[in-house]
N, C-alpha and C. Protein backbone atom coordinates (compact mmCIF):
# COMPACT_ATOMS: atom_id res chain seq x y z
N MET A 1 89.32 64.13 82.75
CA MET A 1 88.16 65.61 83.38
C MET A 1 88.67 66.37 84.75
N THR A 2 89.36 67.37 84.62
CA THR A 2 89.65 67.94 86.01
C THR A 2 88.16 68.60 87.13
N LEU A 3 87.91 68.17 88.39
CA LEU A 3 86.74 68.35 88.60
C LEU A 3 86.39 70.22 88.76
N ASP A 4 87.76 71.60 88.01
CA ASP A 4 86.94 72.56 88.30
C ASP A 4 86.78 72.77 86.38
N ASN A 5 86.88 71.70 85.63
CA ASN A 5 85.79 72.31 84.33
C ASN A 5 84.56 71.98 84.85
N VAL A 6 84.02 71.25 86.10
CA VAL A 6 82.09 70.35 85.50
C VAL A 6 81.68 71.56 86.15
N LYS A 7 80.67 71.58 84.86
CA LYS A 7 80.23 72.81 85.24
C LYS A 7 78.83 72.59 86.93
N PRO A 8 78.57 73.09 87.43
CA PRO A 8 76.81 73.69 88.54
C PRO A 8 75.93 72.61 88.29
N GLY A 9 75.56 71.78 88.26
CA GLY A 9 74.56 70.93 88.58
C GLY A 9 75.00 69.69 87.33
N PHE A 10 76.16 68.95 86.83
CA PHE A 10 76.74 68.09 87.06
C PHE A 10 77.44 67.36 87.89
N CYS A 11 77.71 65.42 87.96
CA CYS A 11 78.33 65.20 88.63
C CYS A 11 79.04 64.12 87.80
N GLY A 12 79.22 63.68 88.77
CA GLY A 12 80.87 63.13 87.99
C GLY A 12 81.21 61.93 89.25
N THR A 13 82.48 60.58 88.66
CA THR A 13 82.79 59.93 89.56
C THR A 13 84.26 60.12 89.53
N ILE A 14 85.37 60.47 90.82
CA ILE A 14 86.03 60.95 90.89
C ILE A 14 86.72 59.55 91.69
N THR A 15 88.30 59.54 90.13
CA THR A 15 88.89 59.04 89.26
C THR A 15 90.32 58.14 90.48
N ALA A 16 90.79 60.18 90.50
CA ALA A 16 92.60 60.05 90.82
C ALA A 16 92.49 61.28 91.79
N ILE A 17 93.66 61.07 92.41
CA ILE A 17 93.08 62.73 93.53
C ILE A 17 94.79 63.16 92.61
N GLY A 18 95.20 64.02 92.83
CA GLY A 18 96.87 64.45 92.36
C GLY A 18 97.19 64.79 93.83
N GLY A 19 98.36 65.75 93.17
CA GLY A 19 99.21 66.86 93.95
C GLY A 19 99.99 66.05 95.23
N GLU A 20 100.06 66.23 95.84
CA GLU A 20 101.68 65.80 96.91
C GLU A 20 101.28 66.17 98.34
N GLY A 21 102.27 65.22 99.50
CA GLY A 21 102.28 65.22 100.34
C GLY A 21 100.61 65.76 101.29
N ALA A 22 100.83 66.63 102.01
CA ALA A 22 99.57 67.03 102.56
C ALA A 22 98.00 67.82 102.22
N LEU A 23 98.54 68.09 101.08
CA LEU A 23 97.48 68.96 100.30
C LEU A 23 96.43 67.67 99.65
N ARG A 24 97.08 66.02 99.00
CA ARG A 24 96.88 64.71 99.29
C ARG A 24 96.03 64.78 99.91
N ARG A 25 96.91 64.39 101.21
CA ARG A 25 96.15 63.46 102.31
C ARG A 25 95.39 64.83 103.05
N ARG A 26 95.00 65.49 103.08
CA ARG A 26 93.82 66.09 103.12
C ARG A 26 92.57 66.42 102.06
N LEU A 27 92.68 66.19 100.84
CA LEU A 27 91.91 66.20 100.13
C LEU A 27 91.63 64.26 100.39
N LEU A 28 91.83 63.67 100.32
CA LEU A 28 91.79 62.32 101.10
C LEU A 28 90.48 62.83 102.12
N ASP A 29 91.05 63.28 103.35
CA ASP A 29 90.52 63.33 104.42
C ASP A 29 89.50 63.55 104.53
N MET A 30 88.55 64.47 104.22
CA MET A 30 87.64 64.88 102.98
C MET A 30 86.82 64.57 102.82
N GLY A 31 87.26 62.96 102.47
CA GLY A 31 86.48 62.41 101.69
C GLY A 31 86.31 62.03 99.84
N LEU A 32 87.33 62.32 99.56
CA LEU A 32 87.15 63.17 97.96
C LEU A 32 88.55 61.64 97.79
N THR A 33 88.16 60.54 97.56
CA THR A 33 88.38 59.51 97.80
C THR A 33 88.03 58.93 95.66
N PRO A 34 88.59 58.32 95.40
CA PRO A 34 88.51 57.15 93.63
C PRO A 34 87.05 56.45 94.39
N ASN A 35 86.36 56.86 93.32
CA ASN A 35 84.76 55.74 93.01
C ASN A 35 84.03 56.87 93.92
N THR A 36 84.17 57.57 93.92
CA THR A 36 83.32 58.51 95.14
C THR A 36 82.28 59.23 93.96
N MET A 37 81.11 59.63 93.83
CA MET A 37 80.25 60.24 93.33
C MET A 37 80.51 61.67 93.68
N VAL A 38 80.37 62.61 92.78
CA VAL A 38 80.77 64.08 92.82
C VAL A 38 80.06 64.92 92.60
N THR A 39 79.41 66.02 93.26
CA THR A 39 78.08 67.29 92.36
C THR A 39 78.70 67.99 92.68
N VAL A 40 79.33 69.17 91.67
CA VAL A 40 79.03 70.41 91.89
C VAL A 40 77.64 71.28 91.90
N ARG A 41 77.95 72.38 93.36
CA ARG A 41 76.57 72.24 93.33
C ARG A 41 76.31 74.02 93.08
N LYS A 42 77.36 74.57 93.01
CA LYS A 42 77.71 76.36 93.02
C LYS A 42 79.23 76.20 92.51
N VAL A 43 79.30 77.68 91.88
CA VAL A 43 80.86 78.13 91.46
C VAL A 43 80.24 79.75 92.08
N ALA A 44 80.85 80.18 92.92
CA ALA A 44 81.50 81.85 93.23
C ALA A 44 81.59 82.25 91.70
N PRO A 45 81.15 83.39 92.23
CA PRO A 45 80.62 84.58 91.06
C PRO A 45 81.86 84.77 89.88
N MET A 46 83.36 85.00 90.93
CA MET A 46 84.61 85.34 90.28
C MET A 46 85.11 83.13 90.21
N GLY A 47 84.41 82.42 90.11
CA GLY A 47 84.96 81.06 89.51
C GLY A 47 86.11 80.44 91.06
N ASP A 48 86.10 81.03 92.23
CA ASP A 48 86.59 80.76 93.42
C ASP A 48 86.04 80.95 94.94
N PRO A 49 85.75 79.70 95.52
CA PRO A 49 85.57 78.39 95.56
C PRO A 49 84.68 78.13 94.66
N ILE A 50 84.67 76.38 95.06
CA ILE A 50 83.26 75.74 94.27
C ILE A 50 83.09 74.98 95.55
N GLU A 51 81.41 74.70 95.41
CA GLU A 51 80.63 74.42 95.81
C GLU A 51 80.43 72.86 95.45
N LEU A 52 80.80 71.77 96.83
CA LEU A 52 80.79 70.14 96.11
C LEU A 52 79.39 69.92 96.82
N TYR A 53 78.63 68.75 96.59
CA TYR A 53 78.22 67.84 97.11
C TYR A 53 78.41 66.20 97.05
N LEU A 54 78.47 66.01 98.38
CA LEU A 54 79.53 64.29 97.86
C LEU A 54 79.11 63.48 99.54
N ARG A 55 78.52 62.16 99.44
CA ARG A 55 78.66 61.43 100.85
C ARG A 55 77.89 62.49 101.85
N SER A 56 76.47 63.05 101.26
CA SER A 56 75.59 63.07 102.31
C SER A 56 76.04 64.49 102.72
N TYR A 57 76.77 65.57 102.57
CA TYR A 57 77.33 66.47 102.90
C TYR A 57 77.98 67.91 102.19
N VAL A 58 77.82 68.70 102.22
CA VAL A 58 78.79 70.06 101.33
C VAL A 58 80.18 70.24 102.04
N LEU A 59 80.31 70.30 100.48
CA LEU A 59 81.83 71.00 100.50
C LEU A 59 82.79 72.12 99.80
N THR A 60 82.85 73.35 100.15
CA THR A 60 83.91 73.76 99.60
C THR A 60 84.94 74.18 99.55
N ILE A 61 85.67 73.67 98.23
CA ILE A 61 87.33 73.94 97.83
C ILE A 61 87.42 75.18 97.01
N ARG A 62 89.15 74.96 96.72
CA ARG A 62 89.28 75.60 95.71
C ARG A 62 89.40 75.44 94.75
N ARG A 63 89.33 76.21 93.06
CA ARG A 63 89.67 76.09 92.21
C ARG A 63 91.05 75.07 92.08
N GLU A 64 91.61 76.01 92.33
CA GLU A 64 93.57 75.25 92.25
C GLU A 64 93.07 73.74 92.87
N GLU A 65 93.07 73.48 94.18
CA GLU A 65 92.82 72.28 94.46
C GLU A 65 91.64 71.15 94.06
N ALA A 66 90.37 71.70 92.89
CA ALA A 66 89.56 70.56 92.51
C ALA A 66 90.66 70.93 91.03
N ALA A 67 92.02 71.42 90.63
CA ALA A 67 91.97 71.07 90.04
C ALA A 67 92.69 69.86 89.44
N LYS A 68 93.23 69.99 91.04
CA LYS A 68 94.16 68.17 91.20
C LYS A 68 93.36 66.87 90.99
N ILE A 69 91.90 67.19 90.67
CA ILE A 69 91.46 65.49 91.28
C ILE A 69 90.38 65.70 89.88
N GLU A 70 90.90 64.32 89.57
CA GLU A 70 90.54 64.01 88.05
C GLU A 70 88.74 63.21 88.34
N VAL A 71 87.87 63.36 87.59
CA VAL A 71 86.47 63.09 87.38
C VAL A 71 86.11 62.19 85.99
N HIS A 72 85.08 61.24 85.71
CA HIS A 72 85.11 60.85 84.64
C HIS A 72 83.58 60.83 84.73
N GLY A 73 82.35 60.20 83.59
CA GLY A 73 81.03 59.67 83.82
C GLY A 73 80.58 61.13 83.89
N VAL A 74 81.11 62.48 83.45
CA VAL A 74 80.45 63.40 84.05
C VAL A 74 79.22 63.29 83.13
N SER A 75 78.20 64.15 83.73
CA SER A 75 76.72 63.99 83.13
C SER A 75 75.91 64.81 84.34
N LYS A 76 74.67 65.50 83.51
CA LYS A 76 73.79 66.32 84.33
C LYS A 76 72.86 65.70 85.43
N VAL A 77 72.63 65.95 86.42
CA VAL A 77 72.36 65.79 87.91
C VAL A 77 70.36 65.41 87.33
């Protein structure tokens, strides 16, 4: 499952980061690394952007970027 399909109030563990080049490096630099627990806090009314909570901080990313992040073990917080 990819992060863009996770509903608000659910969390999961990142298994892989897709993308290439600068985008992949930027996602990794923001803390979106494998084996990191991430919670989807909010989704904007039109579905973009998505607000995440990970590593004790809040991060907002585009749905397009979230689609490149694979998660597993999705459960309600």
